PDB file of N, CA and C in Angstrom:
ATOM      1  N   MET A   1     -45.582  36.938   4.534  1.00  0.00           N
ATOM      2  CA  MET A   1     -45.925  36.358   5.800  1.00  0.00           C
ATOM      3  C   MET A   1     -44.656  35.852   6.477  1.00  0.00           C
ATOM      4  N   LYS A   2     -44.471  36.189   7.734  1.00  0.00           N
ATOM      5  CA  LYS A   2     -43.297  35.795   8.504  1.00  0.00           C
ATOM      6  C   LYS A   2     -43.624  34.577   9.353  1.00  0.00           C
ATOM      7  N   PRO A   3     -42.615  33.698   9.535  1.00  0.00           N
ATOM      8  CA  PRO A   3     -42.865  32.554  10.409  1.00  0.00           C
ATOM      9  C   PRO A   3     -43.110  33.020  11.834  1.00  0.00           C
ATOM     10  N   GLN A   4     -43.983  32.318  12.491  1.00  0.00           N
ATOM     11  CA  GLN A   4     -44.299  32.680  13.862  1.00  0.00           C
ATOM     12  C   GLN A   4     -44.059  31.481  14.766  1.00  0.00           C
ATOM     13  N   GLY A   5     -43.761  31.753  15.996  1.00  0.00           N
ATOM     14  CA  GLY A   5     -43.494  30.677  16.941  1.00  0.00           C
ATOM     15  C   GLY A   5     -42.036  30.258  16.874  1.00  0.00           C
ATOM     16  N   VAL A   6     -41.791  28.977  17.127  1.00  0.00           N
ATOM     17  CA  VAL A   6     -40.419  28.451  17.160  1.00  0.00           C
ATOM     18  C   VAL A   6     -39.937  28.194  15.737  1.00  0.00           C
ATOM     19  N   ILE A   7     -38.703  28.608  15.432  1.00  0.00           N
ATOM     20  CA  ILE A   7     -38.120  28.391  14.111  1.00  0.00           C
ATOM     21  C   ILE A   7     -37.100  27.259  14.236  1.00  0.00           C
ATOM     22  N   PHE A   8     -37.220  26.229  13.390  1.00  0.00           N
ATOM     23  CA  PHE A   8     -36.378  25.034  13.475  1.00  0.00           C
ATOM     24  C   PHE A   8     -35.290  24.987  12.416  1.00  0.00           C
ATOM     25  N   GLY A   9     -35.015  26.081  11.708  1.00  0.00           N
ATOM     26  CA  GLY A   9     -33.994  26.081  10.651  1.00  0.00           C
ATOM     27  C   GLY A   9     -32.632  25.655  11.140  1.00  0.00           C
ATOM     28  N   SER A  10     -32.266  26.104  12.338  1.00  0.00           N
ATOM     29  CA  SER A  10     -30.937  25.746  12.847  1.00  0.00           C
ATOM     30  C   SER A  10     -30.842  24.281  13.225  1.00  0.00           C
ATOM     31  N   ARG A  11     -31.964  23.674  13.487  1.00  0.00           N
ATOM     32  CA  ARG A  11     -31.954  22.252  13.857  1.00  0.00           C
ATOM     33  C   ARG A  11     -32.114  21.341  12.637  1.00  0.00           C
ATOM     34  N   ILE A  12     -32.739  21.851  11.599  1.00  0.00           N
ATOM     35  CA  ILE A  12     -33.012  21.017  10.438  1.00  0.00           C
ATOM     36  C   ILE A  12     -32.001  21.263   9.320  1.00  0.00           C
ATOM     37  N   ALA A  13     -31.831  22.500   8.913  1.00  0.00           N
ATOM     38  CA  ALA A  13     -30.979  22.816   7.770  1.00  0.00           C
ATOM     39  C   ALA A  13     -29.499  22.858   8.136  1.00  0.00           C
ATOM     40  N   ALA A  14     -29.146  23.388   9.284  1.00  0.00           N
ATOM     41  CA  ALA A  14     -27.735  23.579   9.627  1.00  0.00           C
ATOM     42  C   ALA A  14     -26.926  22.280   9.631  1.00  0.00           C
ATOM     43  N   PRO A  15     -27.412  21.177  10.217  1.00  0.00           N
ATOM     44  CA  PRO A  15     -26.602  19.946  10.172  1.00  0.00           C
ATOM     45  C   PRO A  15     -26.358  19.438   8.749  1.00  0.00           C
ATOM     46  N   ALA A  16     -27.341  19.572   7.884  1.00  0.00           N
ATOM     47  CA  ALA A  16     -27.177  19.113   6.497  1.00  0.00           C
ATOM     48  C   ALA A  16     -26.163  19.988   5.762  1.00  0.00           C
ATOM     49  N   ILE A  17     -26.243  21.308   5.978  1.00  0.00           N
ATOM     50  CA  ILE A  17     -25.310  22.228   5.338  1.00  0.00           C
ATOM     51  C   ILE A  17     -23.893  21.971   5.869  1.00  0.00           C
ATOM     52  N   ARG A  18     -23.754  21.739   7.164  1.00  0.00           N
ATOM     53  CA  ARG A  18     -22.443  21.477   7.758  1.00  0.00           C
ATOM     54  C   ARG A  18     -21.825  20.214   7.163  1.00  0.00           C
ATOM     55  N   GLU A  19     -22.613  19.159   7.048  1.00  0.00           N
ATOM     56  CA  GLU A  19     -22.110  17.901   6.491  1.00  0.00           C
ATOM     57  C   GLU A  19     -21.667  18.090   5.045  1.00  0.00           C
ATOM     58  N   ALA A  20     -22.447  18.819   4.261  1.00  0.00           N
ATOM     59  CA  ALA A  20     -22.090  19.073   2.864  1.00  0.00           C
ATOM     60  C   ALA A  20     -20.813  19.904   2.783  1.00  0.00           C
ATOM     61  N   ALA A  21     -20.703  20.924   3.631  1.00  0.00           N
ATOM     62  CA  ALA A  21     -19.514  21.778   3.619  1.00  0.00           C
ATOM     63  C   ALA A  21     -18.269  20.988   4.004  1.00  0.00           C
ATOM     64  N   GLU A  22     -18.353  20.128   5.007  1.00  0.00           N
ATOM     65  CA  GLU A  22     -17.195  19.326   5.415  1.00  0.00           C
ATOM     66  C   GLU A  22     -16.771  18.361   4.307  1.00  0.00           C
ATOM     67  N   SER A  23     -17.736  17.793   3.614  1.00  0.00           N
ATOM     68  CA  SER A  23     -17.407  16.903   2.504  1.00  0.00           C
ATOM     69  C   SER A  23     -16.686  17.660   1.398  1.00  0.00           C
ATOM     70  N   LEU A  24     -17.167  18.865   1.090  1.00  0.00           N
ATOM     71  CA  LEU A  24     -16.520  19.673   0.056  1.00  0.00           C
ATOM     72  C   LEU A  24     -15.119  20.107   0.475  1.00  0.00           C
ATOM     73  N   ILE A  25     -14.948  20.467   1.735  1.00  0.00           N
ATOM     74  CA  ILE A  25     -13.635  20.879   2.226  1.00  0.00           C
ATOM     75  C   ILE A  25     -12.642  19.738   2.069  1.00  0.00           C
ATOM     76  N   ASP A  26     -13.047  18.526   2.442  1.00  0.00           N
ATOM     77  CA  ASP A  26     -12.160  17.357   2.291  1.00  0.00           C
ATOM     78  C   ASP A  26     -11.905  17.060   0.822  1.00  0.00           C
ATOM     79  N   TYR A  27     -12.939  17.105  -0.004  1.00  0.00           N
ATOM     80  CA  TYR A  27     -12.815  16.780  -1.425  1.00  0.00           C
ATOM     81  C   TYR A  27     -11.893  17.769  -2.129  1.00  0.00           C
ATOM     82  N   LEU A  28     -12.020  19.049  -1.825  1.00  0.00           N
ATOM     83  CA  LEU A  28     -11.222  20.081  -2.472  1.00  0.00           C
ATOM     84  C   LEU A  28      -9.839  20.254  -1.842  1.00  0.00           C
ATOM     85  N   GLY A  29      -9.616  19.614  -0.702  1.00  0.00           N
ATOM     86  CA  GLY A  29      -8.310  19.688  -0.049  1.00  0.00           C
ATOM     87  C   GLY A  29      -8.047  21.027   0.606  1.00  0.00           C
ATOM     88  N   ILE A  30      -9.085  21.681   1.041  1.00  0.00           N
ATOM     89  CA  ILE A  30      -8.934  22.979   1.702  1.00  0.00           C
ATOM     90  C   ILE A  30      -8.440  22.722   3.125  1.00  0.00           C
ATOM     91  N   PRO A  31      -7.340  23.404   3.532  1.00  0.00           N
ATOM     92  CA  PRO A  31      -6.825  23.170   4.881  1.00  0.00           C
ATOM     93  C   PRO A  31      -7.795  23.680   5.936  1.00  0.00           C
ATOM     94  N   ARG A  32      -7.827  22.991   7.066  1.00  0.00           N
ATOM     95  CA  ARG A  32      -8.701  23.367   8.175  1.00  0.00           C
ATOM     96  C   ARG A  32      -7.863  23.995   9.283  1.00  0.00           C
ATOM     97  N   GLY A  33      -8.259  25.146   9.737  1.00  0.00           N
ATOM     98  CA  GLY A  33      -7.611  25.780  10.879  1.00  0.00           C
ATOM     99  C   GLY A  33      -6.117  25.899  10.715  1.00  0.00           C
ATOM    100  N   ARG A  34      -5.374  25.321  11.653  1.00  0.00           N
ATOM    101  CA  ARG A  34      -3.908  25.420  11.644  1.00  0.00           C
ATOM    102  C   ARG A  34      -3.245  24.261  10.915  1.00  0.00           C
ATOM    103  N   ASN A  35      -4.027  23.343  10.365  1.00  0.00           N
ATOM    104  CA  ASN A  35      -3.439  22.200   9.666  1.00  0.00           C
ATOM    105  C   ASN A  35      -2.753  22.670   8.385  1.00  0.00           C
ATOM    106  N   PRO A  36      -1.495  22.313   8.187  1.00  0.00           N
ATOM    107  CA  PRO A  36      -0.796  22.752   6.976  1.00  0.00           C
ATOM    108  C   PRO A  36      -1.306  21.995   5.755  1.00  0.00           C
ATOM    109  N   GLN A  37      -1.205  22.642   4.623  1.00  0.00           N
ATOM    110  CA  GLN A  37      -1.574  21.994   3.378  1.00  0.00           C
ATOM    111  C   GLN A  37      -0.293  21.494   2.732  1.00  0.00           C
ATOM    112  N   ILE A  38      -0.279  20.248   2.362  1.00  0.00           N
ATOM    113  CA  ILE A  38       0.905  19.627   1.782  1.00  0.00           C
ATOM    114  C   ILE A  38       0.648  19.379   0.312  1.00  0.00           C
ATOM    115  N   SER A  39       1.562  19.800  -0.526  1.00  0.00           N
ATOM    116  CA  SER A  39       1.427  19.521  -1.947  1.00  0.00           C
ATOM    117  C   SER A  39       2.496  18.504  -2.337  1.00  0.00           C
ATOM    118  N   HIS A  40       2.202  17.719  -3.333  1.00  0.00           N
ATOM    119  CA  HIS A  40       3.124  16.698  -3.803  1.00  0.00           C
ATOM    120  C   HIS A  40       2.965  16.547  -5.296  1.00  0.00           C
ATOM    121  N   PRO A  41       3.963  15.995  -5.958  1.00  0.00           N
ATOM    122  CA  PRO A  41       3.844  15.808  -7.409  1.00  0.00           C
ATOM    123  C   PRO A  41       2.750  14.797  -7.720  1.00  0.00           C
ATOM    124  N   PRO A  42       2.158  14.896  -8.902  1.00  0.00           N
ATOM    125  CA  PRO A  42       1.049  14.010  -9.246  1.00  0.00           C
ATOM    126  C   PRO A  42       1.449  12.572  -9.557  1.00  0.00           C
ATOM    127  N   SER A  43       2.742  12.304  -9.651  1.00  0.00           N
ATOM    128  CA  SER A  43       3.167  10.931  -9.936  1.00  0.00           C
ATOM    129  C   SER A  43       4.304  10.546  -8.997  1.00  0.00           C
ATOM    130  N   VAL A  44       4.503   9.249  -8.867  1.00  0.00           N
ATOM    131  CA  VAL A  44       5.556   8.714  -8.007  1.00  0.00           C
ATOM    132  C   VAL A  44       6.422   7.791  -8.851  1.00  0.00           C
ATOM    133  N   ASN A  45       7.715   7.967  -8.761  1.00  0.00           N
ATOM    134  CA  ASN A  45       8.648   7.095  -9.475  1.00  0.00           C
ATOM    135  C   ASN A  45       9.103   5.989  -8.541  1.00  0.00           C
ATOM    136  N   ILE A  46       8.879   4.754  -8.958  1.00  0.00           N
ATOM    137  CA  ILE A  46       9.319   3.604  -8.184  1.00  0.00           C
ATOM    138  C   ILE A  46      10.470   2.962  -8.958  1.00  0.00           C
ATOM    139  N   PRO A  47      11.658   2.970  -8.375  1.00  0.00           N
ATOM    140  CA  PRO A  47      12.794   2.396  -9.100  1.00  0.00           C
ATOM    141  C   PRO A  47      12.620   0.892  -9.286  1.00  0.00           C
ATOM    142  N   ALA A  48      13.053   0.422 -10.438  1.00  0.00           N
ATOM    143  CA  ALA A  48      12.986  -1.012 -10.716  1.00  0.00           C
ATOM    144  C   ALA A  48      14.036  -1.712  -9.861  1.00  0.00           C
ATOM    145  N   GLY A  49      13.574  -2.590  -8.989  1.00  0.00           N
ATOM    146  CA  GLY A  49      14.493  -3.288  -8.102  1.00  0.00           C
ATOM    147  C   GLY A  49      15.146  -4.459  -8.802  1.00  0.00           C
ATOM    148  N   ARG A  50      16.358  -4.725  -8.413  1.00  0.00           N
ATOM    149  CA  ARG A  50      17.056  -5.882  -8.956  1.00  0.00           C
ATOM    150  C   ARG A  50      16.754  -7.084  -8.094  1.00  0.00           C
ATOM    151  N   LEU A  51      16.565  -8.186  -8.721  1.00  0.00           N
ATOM    152  CA  LEU A  51      16.313  -9.434  -8.015  1.00  0.00           C
ATOM    153  C   LEU A  51      17.626  -9.942  -7.425  1.00  0.00           C
ATOM    154  N   PRO A  52      17.645 -10.204  -6.116  1.00  0.00           N
ATOM    155  CA  PRO A  52      18.872 -10.749  -5.521  1.00  0.00           C
ATOM    156  C   PRO A  52      19.198 -12.100  -6.153  1.00  0.00           C
ATOM    157  N   GLU A  53      20.484 -12.343  -6.342  1.00  0.00           N
ATOM    158  CA  GLU A  53      20.912 -13.604  -6.955  1.00  0.00           C
ATOM    159  C   GLU A  53      20.933 -14.720  -5.921  1.00  0.00           C
ATOM    160  N   ILE A  54      20.509 -15.889  -6.367  1.00  0.00           N
ATOM    161  CA  ILE A  54      20.551 -17.069  -5.507  1.00  0.00           C
ATOM    162  C   ILE A  54      21.765 -17.875  -5.943  1.00  0.00           C
ATOM    163  N   ASP A  55      22.745 -17.971  -5.054  1.00  0.00           N
ATOM    164  CA  ASP A  55      23.914 -18.788  -5.369  1.00  0.00           C
ATOM    165  C   ASP A  55      24.070 -19.871  -4.312  1.00  0.00           C
ATOM    166  N   THR A  56      24.900 -19.671  -3.318  1.00  0.00           N
ATOM    167  CA  THR A  56      25.102 -20.700  -2.298  1.00  0.00           C
ATOM    168  C   THR A  56      24.191 -20.512  -1.087  1.00  0.00           C
ATOM    169  N   HIS A  57      23.682 -19.280  -0.887  1.00  0.00           N
ATOM    170  CA  HIS A  57      22.804 -18.980   0.243  1.00  0.00           C
ATOM    171  C   HIS A  57      21.564 -18.235  -0.218  1.00  0.00           C
ATOM    172  N   VAL A  58      20.465 -18.430   0.494  1.00  0.00           N
ATOM    173  CA  VAL A  58      19.210 -17.742   0.178  1.00  0.00           C
ATOM    174  C   VAL A  58      19.387 -16.253   0.486  1.00  0.00           C
ATOM    175  N   PRO A  59      19.105 -15.395  -0.501  1.00  0.00           N
ATOM    176  CA  PRO A  59      19.235 -13.956  -0.242  1.00  0.00           C
ATOM    177  C   PRO A  59      18.025 -13.410   0.516  1.00  0.00           C
ATOM    178  N   ASP A  60      18.105 -12.168   0.940  1.00  0.00           N
ATOM    179  CA  ASP A  60      16.994 -11.493   1.605  1.00  0.00           C
ATOM    180  C   ASP A  60      16.104 -10.891   0.526  1.00  0.00           C
ATOM    181  N   PHE A  61      14.890 -11.424   0.391  1.00  0.00           N
ATOM    182  CA  PHE A  61      13.953 -10.945  -0.609  1.00  0.00           C
ATOM    183  C   PHE A  61      13.026  -9.850  -0.066  1.00  0.00           C
ATOM    184  N   THR A  62      13.167  -9.463   1.188  1.00  0.00           N
ATOM    185  CA  THR A  62      12.283  -8.491   1.800  1.00  0.00           C
ATOM    186  C   THR A  62      12.214  -7.218   0.959  1.00  0.00           C
ATOM    187  N   GLY A  63      10.984  -6.800   0.643  1.00  0.00           N
ATOM    188  CA  GLY A  63      10.768  -5.576  -0.114  1.00  0.00           C
ATOM    189  C   GLY A  63      10.738  -5.768  -1.619  1.00  0.00           C
ATOM    190  N   ALA A  64      11.046  -6.971  -2.104  1.00  0.00           N
ATOM    191  CA  ALA A  64      11.031  -7.210  -3.550  1.00  0.00           C
ATOM    192  C   ALA A  64       9.596  -7.253  -4.059  1.00  0.00           C
ATOM    193  N   ALA A  65       9.362  -6.623  -5.202  1.00  0.00           N
ATOM    194  CA  ALA A  65       8.036  -6.601  -5.816  1.00  0.00           C
ATOM    195  C   ALA A  65       7.737  -7.941  -6.475  1.00  0.00           C
ATOM    196  N   LYS A  66       6.467  -8.283  -6.529  1.00  0.00           N
ATOM    197  CA  LYS A  66       6.047  -9.560  -7.120  1.00  0.00           C
ATOM    198  C   LYS A  66       6.557  -9.688  -8.549  1.00  0.00           C
ATOM    199  N   ARG A  67       6.464  -8.620  -9.305  1.00  0.00           N
ATOM    200  CA  ARG A  67       6.875  -8.661 -10.716  1.00  0.00           C
ATOM    201  C   ARG A  67       8.345  -9.065 -10.847  1.00  0.00           C
ATOM    202  N   SER A  68       9.181  -8.583  -9.928  1.00  0.00           N
ATOM    203  CA  SER A  68      10.607  -8.904 -10.019  1.00  0.00           C
ATOM    204  C   SER A  68      10.893 -10.353  -9.647  1.00  0.00           C
ATOM    205  N   LEU A  69       9.950 -11.011  -8.960  1.00  0.00           N
ATOM    206  CA  LEU A  69      10.160 -12.388  -8.519  1.00  0.00           C
ATOM    207  C   LEU A  69       9.813 -13.427  -9.589  1.00  0.00           C
ATOM    208  N   LEU A  70       9.083 -13.032 -10.607  1.00  0.00           N
ATOM    209  CA  LEU A  70       8.578 -13.994 -11.592  1.00  0.00           C
ATOM    210  C   LEU A  70       9.671 -14.824 -12.265  1.00  0.00           C
ATOM    211  N   PRO A  71      10.866 -14.298 -12.554  1.00  0.00           N
ATOM    212  CA  PRO A  71      11.912 -15.155 -13.152  1.00  0.00           C
ATOM    213  C   PRO A  71      12.303 -16.341 -12.261  1.00  0.00           C
ATOM    214  N   LEU A  72      12.088 -16.220 -10.956  1.00  0.00           N
ATOM    215  CA  LEU A  72      12.409 -17.339 -10.062  1.00  0.00           C
ATOM    216  C   LEU A  72      11.563 -18.573 -10.370  1.00  0.00           C
ATOM    217  N   LEU A  73      10.377 -18.355 -10.893  1.00  0.00           N
ATOM    218  CA  LEU A  73       9.483 -19.479 -11.183  1.00  0.00           C
ATOM    219  C   LEU A  73      10.004 -20.345 -12.333  1.00  0.00           C
ATOM    220  N   LEU A  74      10.946 -19.824 -13.107  1.00  0.00           N
ATOM    221  CA  LEU A  74      11.489 -20.564 -14.243  1.00  0.00           C
ATOM    222  C   LEU A  74      12.681 -21.445 -13.872  1.00  0.00           C
ATOM    223  N   ARG A  75      13.145 -21.331 -12.646  1.00  0.00           N
ATOM    224  CA  ARG A  75      14.311 -22.122 -12.222  1.00  0.00           C
ATOM    225  C   ARG A  75      13.930 -23.593 -12.084  1.00  0.00           C
ATOM    226  N   ASP A  76      14.869 -24.463 -12.463  1.00  0.00           N
ATOM    227  CA  ASP A  76      14.592 -25.896 -12.329  1.00  0.00           C
ATOM    228  C   ASP A  76      15.385 -26.536 -11.193  1.00  0.00           C
ATOM    229  N   ASP A  77      16.268 -25.771 -10.540  1.00  0.00           N
ATOM    230  CA  ASP A  77      17.065 -26.329  -9.451  1.00  0.00           C
ATOM    231  C   ASP A  77      16.416 -26.135  -8.087  1.00  0.00           C
ATOM    232  N   ILE A  78      15.529 -25.163  -7.958  1.00  0.00           N
ATOM    233  CA  ILE A  78      14.795 -24.909  -6.712  1.00  0.00           C
ATOM    234  C   ILE A  78      13.332 -24.654  -7.053  1.00  0.00           C
ATOM    235  N   ARG A  79      12.491 -24.731  -6.028  1.00  0.00           N
ATOM    236  CA  ARG A  79      11.065 -24.461  -6.195  1.00  0.00           C
ATOM    237  C   ARG A  79      10.759 -23.180  -5.417  1.00  0.00           C
ATOM    238  N   VAL A  80      10.000 -22.269  -6.025  1.00  0.00           N
ATOM    239  CA  VAL A  80       9.652 -21.006  -5.381  1.00  0.00           C
ATOM    240  C   VAL A  80       8.136 -20.871  -5.350  1.00  0.00           C
ATOM    241  N   GLU A  81       7.594 -20.617  -4.158  1.00  0.00           N
ATOM    242  CA  GLU A  81       6.161 -20.367  -3.992  1.00  0.00           C
ATOM    243  C   GLU A  81       5.983 -18.895  -3.656  1.00  0.00           C
ATOM    244  N   ILE A  82       5.165 -18.212  -4.442  1.00  0.00           N
ATOM    245  CA  ILE A  82       4.860 -16.806  -4.192  1.00  0.00           C
ATOM    246  C   ILE A  82       3.421 -16.738  -3.718  1.00  0.00           C
ATOM    247  N   ARG A  83       3.237 -16.253  -2.495  1.00  0.00           N
ATOM    248  CA  ARG A  83       1.898 -16.195  -1.890  1.00  0.00           C
ATOM    249  C   ARG A  83       1.500 -14.735  -1.680  1.00  0.00           C
ATOM    250  N   GLY A  84       0.401 -14.336  -2.314  1.00  0.00           N
ATOM    251  CA  GLY A  84      -0.107 -12.985  -2.121  1.00  0.00           C
ATOM    252  C   GLY A  84       0.327 -12.044  -3.229  1.00  0.00           C
ATOM    253  N   ASP A  85       0.060 -10.759  -3.018  1.00  0.00           N
ATOM    254  CA  ASP A  85       0.380  -9.720  -3.986  1.00  0.00           C
ATOM    255  C   ASP A  85       1.112  -8.593  -3.277  1.00  0.00           C
ATOM    256  N   GLY A  86       1.850  -7.814  -4.054  1.00  0.00           N
ATOM    257  CA  GLY A  86       2.538  -6.658  -3.493  1.00  0.00           C
ATOM    258  C   GLY A  86       4.021  -6.895  -3.386  1.00  0.00           C
ATOM    259  N   TRP A  87       4.559  -6.767  -2.168  1.00  0.00           N
ATOM    260  CA  TRP A  87       5.988  -6.868  -1.911  1.00  0.00           C
ATOM    261  C   TRP A  87       6.253  -7.912  -0.834  1.00  0.00           C
ATOM    262  N   VAL A  88       7.421  -8.526  -0.894  1.00  0.00           N
ATOM    263  CA  VAL A  88       7.789  -9.575   0.049  1.00  0.00           C
ATOM    264  C   VAL A  88       7.887  -8.990   1.459  1.00  0.00           C
ATOM    265  N   ARG A  89       7.163  -9.619   2.389  1.00  0.00           N
ATOM    266  CA  ARG A  89       7.221  -9.222   3.792  1.00  0.00           C
ATOM    267  C   ARG A  89       7.849 -10.310   4.653  1.00  0.00           C
ATOM    268  N   ARG A  90       7.692 -11.572   4.239  1.00  0.00           N
ATOM    269  CA  ARG A  90       8.257 -12.694   4.985  1.00  0.00           C
ATOM    270  C   ARG A  90       8.758 -13.734   3.984  1.00  0.00           C
ATOM    271  N   GLN A  91       9.743 -14.493   4.414  1.00  0.00           N
ATOM    272  CA  GLN A  91      10.244 -15.566   3.559  1.00  0.00           C
ATOM    273  C   GLN A  91      10.665 -16.734   4.422  1.00  0.00           C
ATOM    274  N   HIS A  92      10.589 -17.929   3.827  1.00  0.00           N
ATOM    275  CA  HIS A  92      11.039 -19.138   4.490  1.00  0.00           C
ATOM    276  C   HIS A  92      11.718 -20.009   3.448  1.00  0.00           C
ATOM    277  N   PRO A  93      12.911 -20.431   3.627  1.00  0.00           N
ATOM    278  CA  PRO A  93      13.786 -20.230   4.765  1.00  0.00           C
ATOM    279  C   PRO A  93      14.321 -18.797   4.805  1.00  0.00           C
ATOM    280  N   LEU A  94      14.853 -18.428   5.947  1.00  0.00           N
ATOM    281  CA  LEU A  94      15.384 -17.093   6.149  1.00  0.00           C
ATOM    282  C   LEU A  94      16.627 -16.851   5.301  1.00  0.00           C
ATOM    283  N   ALA A  95      16.916 -15.575   5.086  1.00  0.00           N
ATOM    284  CA  ALA A  95      18.117 -15.195   4.342  1.00  0.00           C
ATOM    285  C   ALA A  95      19.352 -15.774   5.040  1.00  0.00           C
ATOM    286  N   GLY A  96      20.280 -16.255   4.232  1.00  0.00           N
ATOM    287  CA  GLY A  96      21.507 -16.823   4.783  1.00  0.00           C
ATOM    288  C   GLY A  96      21.488 -18.331   4.871  1.00  0.00           C
ATOM    289  N   THR A  97      20.315 -18.943   4.680  1.00  0.00           N
ATOM    290  CA  THR A  97      20.212 -20.403   4.705  1.00  0.00           C
ATOM    291  C   THR A  97      20.910 -20.974   3.474  1.00  0.00           C
ATOM    292  N   PRO A  98      21.724 -22.030   3.620  1.00  0.00           N
ATOM    293  CA  PRO A  98      22.376 -22.631   2.459  1.00  0.00           C
ATOM    294  C   PRO A  98      21.345 -23.164   1.450  1.00  0.00           C
ATOM    295  N   VAL A  99      21.620 -22.951   0.192  1.00  0.00           N
ATOM    296  CA  VAL A  99      20.739 -23.413  -0.886  1.00  0.00           C
ATOM    297  C   VAL A  99      21.073 -24.860  -1.203  1.00  0.00           C
ATOM    298  N   THR A 100      20.026 -25.694  -1.277  1.00  0.00           N
ATOM    299  CA  THR A 100      20.197 -27.089  -1.675  1.00  0.00           C
ATOM    300  C   THR A 100      19.305 -27.356  -2.882  1.00  0.00           C
ATOM    301  N   ARG A 101      19.739 -28.217  -3.735  1.00  0.00           N
ATOM    302  CA  ARG A 101      18.972 -28.540  -4.943  1.00  0.00           C
ATOM    303  C   ARG A 101      17.613 -29.120  -4.545  1.00  0.00           C
ATOM    304  N   GLY A 102      16.552 -28.614  -5.170  1.00  0.00           N
ATOM    305  CA  GLY A 102      15.205 -29.109  -4.918  1.00  0.00           C
ATOM    306  C   GLY A 102      14.510 -28.435  -3.732  1.00  0.00           C
ATOM    307  N   MET A 103      15.186 -27.527  -3.034  1.00  0.00           N
ATOM    308  CA  MET A 103      14.567 -26.861  -1.876  1.00  0.00           C
ATOM    309  C   MET A 103      13.414 -25.962  -2.339  1.00  0.00           C
ATOM    310  N   THR A 104      12.517 -25.652  -1.409  1.00  0.00           N
ATOM    311  CA  THR A 104      11.396 -24.756  -1.680  1.00  0.00           C
ATOM    312  C   THR A 104      11.593 -23.468  -0.888  1.00  0.00           C
ATOM    313  N   ILE A 105      11.478 -22.353  -1.607  1.00  0.00           N
ATOM    314  CA  ILE A 105      11.528 -21.046  -0.964  1.00  0.00           C
ATOM    315  C   ILE A 105      10.126 -20.455  -1.034  1.00  0.00           C
ATOM    316  N   ILE A 106       9.585 -20.110   0.123  1.00  0.00           N
ATOM    317  CA  ILE A 106       8.240 -19.548   0.198  1.00  0.00           C
ATOM    318  C   ILE A 106       8.364 -18.053   0.459  1.00  0.00           C
ATOM    319  N   LEU A 107       7.751 -17.262  -0.412  1.00  0.00           N
ATOM    320  CA  LEU A 107       7.779 -15.812  -0.291  1.00  0.00           C
ATOM    321  C   LEU A 107       6.350 -15.318  -0.053  1.00  0.00           C
ATOM    322  N   GLU A 108       6.113 -14.687   1.090  1.00  0.00           N
ATOM    323  CA  GLU A 108       4.798 -14.169   1.428  1.00  0.00           C
ATOM    324  C   GLU A 108       4.778 -12.678   1.175  1.00  0.00           C
ATOM    325  N   LEU A 109       3.825 -12.234   0.353  1.00  0.00           N
ATOM    326  CA  LEU A 109       3.731 -10.840  -0.035  1.00  0.00           C
ATOM    327  C   LEU A 109       2.524 -10.160   0.589  1.00  0.00           C
ATOM    328  N   GLU A 110       2.633  -8.879   0.789  1.00  0.00           N
ATOM    329  CA  GLU A 110       1.517  -8.058   1.278  1.00  0.00           C
ATOM    330  C   GLU A 110       1.460  -6.808   0.458  1.00  0.00           C
TER     331      GLU A 110
END
């Protein structure tokens, strides 16, 4: 028996199939049209950064990872506050400020 009258397959099934196909294309990384496909290695090497030394002036901590900042918490001549996670985006006082005993350095991470 053949369907008679108006057939709604294109209105009912096609949108669901299209959505599923687009999800699979994105999941499998299949390039679309003229978009280039970019391949990259499965891992990323992040070099271990050296912690800038604090001597007479506050160094620029911008970009330093939280893990590298932890030794600063052991200092008894200055106080260091680490706020947030990730890498240093802002600091107070600014780099170049003279270091004084008992000063507080605030490092804001994102």
